[in-house]
Amino acid sequence: MKHLIAPSILAADFGKIYEEVEMLNQSAADWVHVDVMDGSFVPNISFGFPVIKAIKKKSKLPLDVHLMIDAPERYLNEFKEAGADVLTVHLEACTHLHRTIQQIKELGMKAGVALNPHTNIDLVSDVIEDLDLVCLMSVNPGFGGQKFIYNTIPKTIKLKALIETRNAPTKIEIDGGVGLQNAEKLLQSGADVLVAGSAVFKAEDPIETISKLKSIGKDIYMV
């Protein structure tokens, strides 16, 4: 299957958010990535339900909502009502991860689990068959525009091997510092979904950049 591109709306110009979403509608993007931060799990605050609802109203693309919040199980239904199609929680923030995954799926959303850069991918092995998505953070979560952490490459290869061994349907998403400079390497390592924020919204021609990211080939090899 062709890889997916999920521009991160956190990097958009919120003074013209509807225009930015409309630009994504006209592009080759597959999802809109929405980062929700609470100022507790990560040292930053982004936005909540009213903004997500506004984005959903304008977007023709599925919303890929990434919760960087403590105890996300408190708000699963509210994020469903706000318009989330894919809902990703952090392994580090969930005491009862399996239960949370099941609750997300029962609400009709695809379920994802995100791992911080220091978190070993072996920790998702017990739930890998239940997941639609594993999001590998390739920067420390909380702020956009950070430098890509290259240890993400071997982690992606290891995670891909786990998924294939277990014959799981799980997609691998890479989030943080992704752009034209490393997209091909990530896809070759096993990534299925690329989240690109600054690389898209700070580009001179965002639509062209998305098209280039989407057109990169995907002949997987071990690096």
C-alpha atoms as a PDB file:
ATOM      1  CA  MET A   1       0.000   0.000   0.000  1.00  0.00           C
ATOM      2  CA  LYS A   2       1.188   3.500  -0.801  1.00  0.00           C
ATOM      3  CA  HIS A   3       2.408   5.405   2.227  1.00  0.00           C
ATOM      4  CA  LEU A   4       0.300   8.150   3.788  1.00  0.00           C
ATOM      5  CA  ILE A   5       1.194  11.795   4.399  1.00  0.00           C
ATOM      6  CA  ALA A   6      -0.281  13.498   7.468  1.00  0.00           C
ATOM      7  CA  PRO A   7       0.639  17.208   7.665  1.00  0.00           C
ATOM      8  CA  SER A   8       0.694  18.436  11.254  1.00  0.00           C
ATOM      9  CA  ILE A   9      -1.706  21.338  11.663  1.00  0.00           C
ATOM     10  CA  LEU A  10       0.266  22.499  14.721  1.00  0.00           C
ATOM     11  CA  ALA A  11       2.744  24.107  12.297  1.00  0.00           C
ATOM     12  CA  ALA A  12       0.023  25.964  10.374  1.00  0.00           C
ATOM     13  CA  ASP A  13      -0.745  29.679  10.532  1.00  0.00           C
ATOM     14  CA  PHE A  14      -3.690  29.771  12.939  1.00  0.00           C
ATOM     15  CA  GLY A  15      -4.526  33.269  11.797  1.00  0.00           C
ATOM     16  CA  LYS A  16      -5.792  31.659   8.606  1.00  0.00           C
ATOM     17  CA  ILE A  17      -6.572  28.149   9.777  1.00  0.00           C
ATOM     18  CA  TYR A  18      -9.482  27.583   7.377  1.00  0.00           C
ATOM     19  CA  GLU A  19      -7.284  28.531   4.429  1.00  0.00           C
ATOM     20  CA  GLU A  20      -4.594  26.144   5.654  1.00  0.00           C
ATOM     21  CA  VAL A  21      -7.087  23.276   5.966  1.00  0.00           C
ATOM     22  CA  GLU A  22      -8.491  24.047   2.533  1.00  0.00           C
ATOM     23  CA  MET A  23      -4.946  23.910   1.148  1.00  0.00           C
ATOM     24  CA  LEU A  24      -4.611  20.400   2.593  1.00  0.00           C
ATOM     25  CA  ASN A  25      -7.951  19.473   1.017  1.00  0.00           C
ATOM     26  CA  GLN A  26      -6.526  20.424  -2.372  1.00  0.00           C
ATOM     27  CA  SER A  27      -3.227  18.614  -1.830  1.00  0.00           C
ATOM     28  CA  ALA A  28      -2.103  14.973  -1.994  1.00  0.00           C
ATOM     29  CA  ALA A  29      -2.259  14.709   1.818  1.00  0.00           C
ATOM     30  CA  ASP A  30      -4.095  11.708   3.268  1.00  0.00           C
ATOM     31  CA  TRP A  31      -4.759  12.750   6.875  1.00  0.00           C
ATOM     32  CA  VAL A  32      -4.614  15.912   8.967  1.00  0.00           C
ATOM     33  CA  HIS A  33      -2.435  15.319  12.027  1.00  0.00           C
ATOM     34  CA  VAL A  34      -3.708  17.140  15.126  1.00  0.00           C
ATOM     35  CA  ASP A  35      -1.457  17.377  18.192  1.00  0.00           C
ATOM     36  CA  VAL A  36      -3.241  17.894  21.519  1.00  0.00           C
ATOM     37  CA  MET A  37      -0.976  18.948  24.418  1.00  0.00           C
ATOM     38  CA  ASP A  38      -2.005  19.536  28.017  1.00  0.00           C
ATOM     39  CA  GLY A  39       0.984  21.305  29.589  1.00  0.00           C
ATOM     40  CA  SER A  40       1.428  18.351  31.951  1.00  0.00           C
ATOM     41  CA  PHE A  41       2.451  15.290  29.951  1.00  0.00           C
ATOM     42  CA  VAL A  42       4.432  17.651  27.722  1.00  0.00           C
ATOM     43  CA  PRO A  43       5.675  21.178  28.554  1.00  0.00           C
ATOM     44  CA  ASN A  44       3.392  22.928  26.095  1.00  0.00           C
ATOM     45  CA  ILE A  45      -0.314  23.586  25.520  1.00  0.00           C
ATOM     46  CA  SER A  46      -1.845  23.434  22.052  1.00  0.00           C
ATOM     47  CA  PHE A  47      -5.621  23.373  21.599  1.00  0.00           C
ATOM     48  CA  GLY A  48      -8.756  21.512  22.573  1.00  0.00           C
ATOM     49  CA  PHE A  49     -12.176  20.458  21.371  1.00  0.00           C
ATOM     50  CA  PRO A  50     -13.451  23.720  19.795  1.00  0.00           C
ATOM     51  CA  VAL A  51     -10.439  23.976  17.469  1.00  0.00           C
ATOM     52  CA  ILE A  52     -10.630  20.291  16.529  1.00  0.00           C
ATOM     53  CA  LYS A  53     -14.333  20.687  15.730  1.00  0.00           C
ATOM     54  CA  ALA A  54     -13.546  23.716  13.549  1.00  0.00           C
ATOM     55  CA  ILE A  55     -10.847  21.798  11.662  1.00  0.00           C
ATOM     56  CA  LYS A  56     -13.195  18.822  11.220  1.00  0.00           C
ATOM     57  CA  LYS A  57     -15.921  21.071   9.823  1.00  0.00           C
ATOM     58  CA  LYS A  58     -13.601  22.297   7.063  1.00  0.00           C
ATOM     59  CA  SER A  59     -11.481  19.204   6.420  1.00  0.00           C
ATOM     60  CA  LYS A  60     -12.270  16.643   3.737  1.00  0.00           C
ATOM     61  CA  LEU A  61      -9.512  14.435   5.169  1.00  0.00           C
ATOM     62  CA  PRO A  62      -9.608  12.134   8.216  1.00  0.00           C
ATOM     63  CA  LEU A  63      -8.326  13.666  11.447  1.00  0.00           C
ATOM     64  CA  ASP A  64      -5.340  11.852  12.962  1.00  0.00           C
ATOM     65  CA  VAL A  65      -5.504  13.091  16.565  1.00  0.00           C
ATOM     66  CA  HIS A  66      -2.401  12.589  18.708  1.00  0.00           C
ATOM     67  CA  LEU A  67      -3.017  12.993  22.441  1.00  0.00           C
ATOM     68  CA  MET A  68       0.046  14.170  24.349  1.00  0.00           C
ATOM     69  CA  ILE A  69      -1.944  14.308  27.567  1.00  0.00           C
ATOM     70  CA  ASP A  70      -2.052  12.569  30.920  1.00  0.00           C
ATOM     71  CA  ALA A  71      -4.823  10.006  31.519  1.00  0.00           C
ATOM     72  CA  PRO A  72      -6.285  10.306  28.003  1.00  0.00           C
ATOM     73  CA  GLU A  73      -8.977   7.740  28.814  1.00  0.00           C
ATOM     74  CA  ARG A  74     -10.917  10.556  30.506  1.00  0.00           C
ATOM     75  CA  TYR A  75     -11.710  12.221  27.179  1.00  0.00           C
ATOM     76  CA  LEU A  76     -12.041   9.496  24.538  1.00  0.00           C
ATOM     77  CA  ASN A  77     -15.718  10.102  23.860  1.00  0.00           C
ATOM     78  CA  GLU A  78     -15.198  13.854  23.637  1.00  0.00           C
ATOM     79  CA  PHE A  79     -12.466  13.438  21.018  1.00  0.00           C
ATOM     80  CA  LYS A  80     -14.755  11.140  19.036  1.00  0.00           C
ATOM     81  CA  GLU A  81     -17.484  13.796  19.145  1.00  0.00           C
ATOM     82  CA  ALA A  82     -14.963  16.477  18.144  1.00  0.00           C
ATOM     83  CA  GLY A  83     -14.170  14.570  14.957  1.00  0.00           C
ATOM     84  CA  ALA A  84     -11.204  12.264  15.546  1.00  0.00           C
ATOM     85  CA  ASP A  85     -10.972   9.400  13.050  1.00  0.00           C
ATOM     86  CA  VAL A  86      -7.659   8.044  14.351  1.00  0.00           C
ATOM     87  CA  LEU A  87      -6.949   8.530  18.053  1.00  0.00           C
ATOM     88  CA  THR A  88      -3.434   7.945  19.372  1.00  0.00           C
ATOM     89  CA  VAL A  89      -2.526   7.860  23.060  1.00  0.00           C
ATOM     90  CA  HIS A  90       0.930   7.686  24.607  1.00  0.00           C
ATOM     91  CA  LEU A  91       2.014   4.414  26.149  1.00  0.00           C
ATOM     92  CA  GLU A  92       3.761   6.437  28.852  1.00  0.00           C
ATOM     93  CA  ALA A  93       0.481   8.163  29.807  1.00  0.00           C
ATOM     94  CA  CYS A  94      -1.763   5.073  30.107  1.00  0.00           C
ATOM     95  CA  THR A  95      -1.954   2.926  33.214  1.00  0.00           C
ATOM     96  CA  HIS A  96      -4.391   0.490  31.560  1.00  0.00           C
ATOM     97  CA  LEU A  97      -3.259   0.606  27.943  1.00  0.00           C
ATOM     98  CA  HIS A  98      -5.167  -2.406  26.624  1.00  0.00           C
ATOM     99  CA  ARG A  99      -8.430  -1.151  28.106  1.00  0.00           C
ATOM    100  CA  THR A 100      -7.896   2.293  26.567  1.00  0.00           C
ATOM    101  CA  ILE A 101      -7.203   0.784  23.131  1.00  0.00           C
ATOM    102  CA  GLN A 102     -10.404  -1.248  23.325  1.00  0.00           C
ATOM    103  CA  GLN A 103     -12.426   1.800  24.369  1.00  0.00           C
ATOM    104  CA  ILE A 104     -11.108   3.789  21.393  1.00  0.00           C
ATOM    105  CA  LYS A 105     -12.095   1.026  18.988  1.00  0.00           C
ATOM    106  CA  GLU A 106     -15.504   0.586  20.594  1.00  0.00           C
ATOM    107  CA  LEU A 107     -16.139   4.265  19.865  1.00  0.00           C
ATOM    108  CA  GLY A 108     -15.514   3.597  16.173  1.00  0.00           C
ATOM    109  CA  MET A 109     -12.079   5.199  15.851  1.00  0.00           C
ATOM    110  CA  LYS A 110      -8.811   3.653  14.752  1.00  0.00           C
ATOM    111  CA  ALA A 111      -6.555   3.138  17.772  1.00  0.00           C
ATOM    112  CA  GLY A 112      -2.933   4.227  17.929  1.00  0.00           C
ATOM    113  CA  VAL A 113      -0.194   4.175  20.553  1.00  0.00           C
ATOM    114  CA  ALA A 114       2.697   6.639  20.536  1.00  0.00           C
ATOM    115  CA  LEU A 115       6.161   5.963  21.963  1.00  0.00           C
ATOM    116  CA  ASN A 116       8.596   8.615  23.127  1.00  0.00           C
ATOM    117  CA  PRO A 117      12.165   8.474  21.754  1.00  0.00           C
ATOM    118  CA  HIS A 118      13.493   6.688  24.858  1.00  0.00           C
ATOM    119  CA  THR A 119      10.709   4.068  24.984  1.00  0.00           C
ATOM    120  CA  ASN A 120      11.549   0.545  23.808  1.00  0.00           C
ATOM    121  CA  ILE A 121       9.226  -0.811  21.132  1.00  0.00           C
ATOM    122  CA  ASP A 122       9.115  -4.178  22.959  1.00  0.00           C
ATOM    123  CA  LEU A 123       6.626  -2.532  25.308  1.00  0.00           C
ATOM    124  CA  VAL A 124       3.907  -2.656  22.625  1.00  0.00           C
ATOM    125  CA  SER A 125       4.444  -6.318  21.816  1.00  0.00           C
ATOM    126  CA  ASP A 126       1.534  -7.442  24.015  1.00  0.00           C
ATOM    127  CA  VAL A 127      -0.959  -5.173  22.249  1.00  0.00           C
ATOM    128  CA  ILE A 128       0.443  -5.004  18.708  1.00  0.00           C
ATOM    129  CA  GLU A 129      -2.360  -7.102  17.175  1.00  0.00           C
ATOM    130  CA  ASP A 130      -4.946  -4.721  18.650  1.00  0.00           C
ATOM    131  CA  LEU A 131      -3.402  -1.577  17.201  1.00  0.00           C
ATOM    132  CA  ASP A 132      -4.142   0.169  13.937  1.00  0.00           C
ATOM    133  CA  LEU A 133      -1.128   2.442  14.397  1.00  0.00           C
ATOM    134  CA  VAL A 134       2.114   2.824  16.331  1.00  0.00           C
ATOM    135  CA  CYS A 135       3.476   6.360  16.285  1.00  0.00           C
ATOM    136  CA  LEU A 136       7.227   6.556  16.842  1.00  0.00           C
ATOM    137  CA  MET A 137       8.231   9.974  18.127  1.00  0.00           C
ATOM    138  CA  SER A 138      11.381  11.047  16.318  1.00  0.00           C
ATOM    139  CA  VAL A 139      11.701  14.164  18.480  1.00  0.00           C
ATOM    140  CA  ASN A 140      10.900  14.736  22.128  1.00  0.00           C
ATOM    141  CA  PRO A 141       7.184  15.580  22.202  1.00  0.00           C
ATOM    142  CA  GLY A 142       5.900  19.023  23.036  1.00  0.00           C
ATOM    143  CA  PHE A 143       7.240  21.409  20.420  1.00  0.00           C
ATOM    144  CA  GLY A 144       7.394  21.555  16.639  1.00  0.00           C
ATOM    145  CA  GLY A 145      10.474  22.263  14.558  1.00  0.00           C
ATOM    146  CA  GLN A 146      12.900  19.998  16.450  1.00  0.00           C
ATOM    147  CA  LYS A 147      15.815  18.064  14.973  1.00  0.00           C
ATOM    148  CA  PHE A 148      15.124  14.495  13.897  1.00  0.00           C
ATOM    149  CA  ILE A 149      16.522  11.772  16.200  1.00  0.00           C
ATOM    150  CA  TYR A 150      18.198   9.216  13.935  1.00  0.00           C
ATOM    151  CA  ASN A 151      17.847   6.335  16.378  1.00  0.00           C
ATOM    152  CA  THR A 152      14.288   6.293  15.047  1.00  0.00           C
ATOM    153  CA  ILE A 153      15.568   4.435  11.961  1.00  0.00           C
ATOM    154  CA  PRO A 154      16.645   1.232  13.764  1.00  0.00           C
ATOM    155  CA  LYS A 155      13.535   1.462  15.968  1.00  0.00           C
ATOM    156  CA  THR A 156      11.373   1.543  12.846  1.00  0.00           C
ATOM    157  CA  ILE A 157      13.137  -1.513  11.423  1.00  0.00           C
ATOM    158  CA  LYS A 158      12.690  -3.395  14.700  1.00  0.00           C
ATOM    159  CA  LEU A 159       9.020  -2.448  14.947  1.00  0.00           C
ATOM    160  CA  LYS A 160       8.384  -3.490  11.338  1.00  0.00           C
ATOM    161  CA  ALA A 161       9.911  -6.900  12.067  1.00  0.00           C
ATOM    162  CA  LEU A 162       7.633  -7.310  15.096  1.00  0.00           C
ATOM    163  CA  ILE A 163       4.546  -6.389  13.067  1.00  0.00           C
ATOM    164  CA  GLU A 164       5.433  -8.811  10.281  1.00  0.00           C
ATOM    165  CA  THR A 165       6.284 -11.630  12.697  1.00  0.00           C
ATOM    166  CA  ARG A 166       2.902 -11.258  14.393  1.00  0.00           C
ATOM    167  CA  ASN A 167       1.072 -10.702  11.085  1.00  0.00           C
ATOM    168  CA  ALA A 168      -0.484  -7.579  12.608  1.00  0.00           C
ATOM    169  CA  PRO A 169      -2.374  -4.949  10.572  1.00  0.00           C
ATOM    170  CA  THR A 170      -0.544  -2.140  12.341  1.00  0.00           C
ATOM    171  CA  LYS A 171       0.786   0.893  10.474  1.00  0.00           C
ATOM    172  CA  ILE A 172       3.978   2.652  11.565  1.00  0.00           C
ATOM    173  CA  GLU A 173       3.762   6.440  11.815  1.00  0.00           C
ATOM    174  CA  ILE A 174       6.811   8.700  12.260  1.00  0.00           C
ATOM    175  CA  ASP A 175       6.269  12.044  13.951  1.00  0.00           C
ATOM    176  CA  GLY A 176       8.892  14.762  14.359  1.00  0.00           C
ATOM    177  CA  GLY A 177      11.532  16.344  12.159  1.00  0.00           C
ATOM    178  CA  VAL A 178      10.247  14.567   9.054  1.00  0.00           C
ATOM    179  CA  GLY A 179      10.906  16.150   5.659  1.00  0.00           C
ATOM    180  CA  LEU A 180      12.259  15.528   2.192  1.00  0.00           C
ATOM    181  CA  GLN A 181      15.738  15.017   3.666  1.00  0.00           C
ATOM    182  CA  ASN A 182      14.802  11.799   5.513  1.00  0.00           C
ATOM    183  CA  ALA A 183      11.416  10.646   4.176  1.00  0.00           C
ATOM    184  CA  GLU A 184      12.830   8.078   1.763  1.00  0.00           C
ATOM    185  CA  LYS A 185      15.036   6.514   4.433  1.00  0.00           C
ATOM    186  CA  LEU A 186      12.072   6.244   6.800  1.00  0.00           C
ATOM    187  CA  LEU A 187       9.877   4.600   4.179  1.00  0.00           C
ATOM    188  CA  GLN A 188      12.622   2.145   3.302  1.00  0.00           C
ATOM    189  CA  SER A 189      12.916   1.313   7.001  1.00  0.00           C
ATOM    190  CA  GLY A 190       9.251   0.346   7.193  1.00  0.00           C
ATOM    191  CA  ALA A 191       7.265   3.525   7.885  1.00  0.00           C
ATOM    192  CA  ASP A 192       3.722   3.743   6.517  1.00  0.00           C
ATOM    193  CA  VAL A 193       2.639   7.227   7.631  1.00  0.00           C
ATOM    194  CA  LEU A 194       4.793  10.369   7.671  1.00  0.00           C
ATOM    195  CA  VAL A 195       3.809  13.321   9.838  1.00  0.00           C
ATOM    196  CA  ALA A 196       5.312  16.530   8.482  1.00  0.00           C
ATOM    197  CA  GLY A 197       4.755  19.890  10.146  1.00  0.00           C
ATOM    198  CA  SER A 198       7.304  22.601   9.508  1.00  0.00           C
ATOM    199  CA  ALA A 199       8.490  20.828   6.341  1.00  0.00           C
ATOM    200  CA  VAL A 200       5.035  21.424   4.854  1.00  0.00           C
ATOM    201  CA  PHE A 201       3.683  24.628   6.354  1.00  0.00           C
ATOM    202  CA  LYS A 202       6.961  26.547   6.282  1.00  0.00           C
ATOM    203  CA  ALA A 203       7.673  25.506   2.691  1.00  0.00           C
ATOM    204  CA  GLU A 204       7.495  28.053  -0.113  1.00  0.00           C
ATOM    205  CA  ASP A 205       4.987  25.769  -1.866  1.00  0.00           C
ATOM    206  CA  PRO A 206       3.295  23.452   0.680  1.00  0.00           C
ATOM    207  CA  ILE A 207       1.207  21.626  -1.935  1.00  0.00           C
ATOM    208  CA  GLU A 208       4.311  20.817  -3.975  1.00  0.00           C
ATOM    209  CA  THR A 209       6.154  19.624  -0.861  1.00  0.00           C
ATOM    210  CA  ILE A 210       3.267  17.302   0.055  1.00  0.00           C
ATOM    211  CA  SER A 211       3.248  15.987  -3.513  1.00  0.00           C
ATOM    212  CA  LYS A 212       6.980  15.267  -3.334  1.00  0.00           C
ATOM    213  CA  LEU A 213       6.599  13.474   0.002  1.00  0.00           C
ATOM    214  CA  LYS A 214       3.739  11.422  -1.406  1.00  0.00           C
ATOM    215  CA  SER A 215       5.589  10.491  -4.606  1.00  0.00           C
ATOM    216  CA  ILE A 216       8.653   9.009  -2.898  1.00  0.00           C
ATOM    217  CA  GLY A 217       8.993   5.308  -3.720  1.00  0.00           C
ATOM    218  CA  LYS A 218       8.729   2.601  -1.109  1.00  0.00           C
ATOM    219  CA  ASP A 219      10.974  -0.343  -1.863  1.00  0.00           C
ATOM    220  CA  ILE A 220      11.674  -1.560   1.652  1.00  0.00           C
ATOM    221  CA  TYR A 221      15.167  -2.699   2.484  1.00  0.00           C
ATOM    222  CA  MET A 222      17.076  -3.110   5.703  1.00  0.00           C
ATOM    223  CA  VAL A 223      19.412  -0.233   6.462  1.00  0.00           C
END
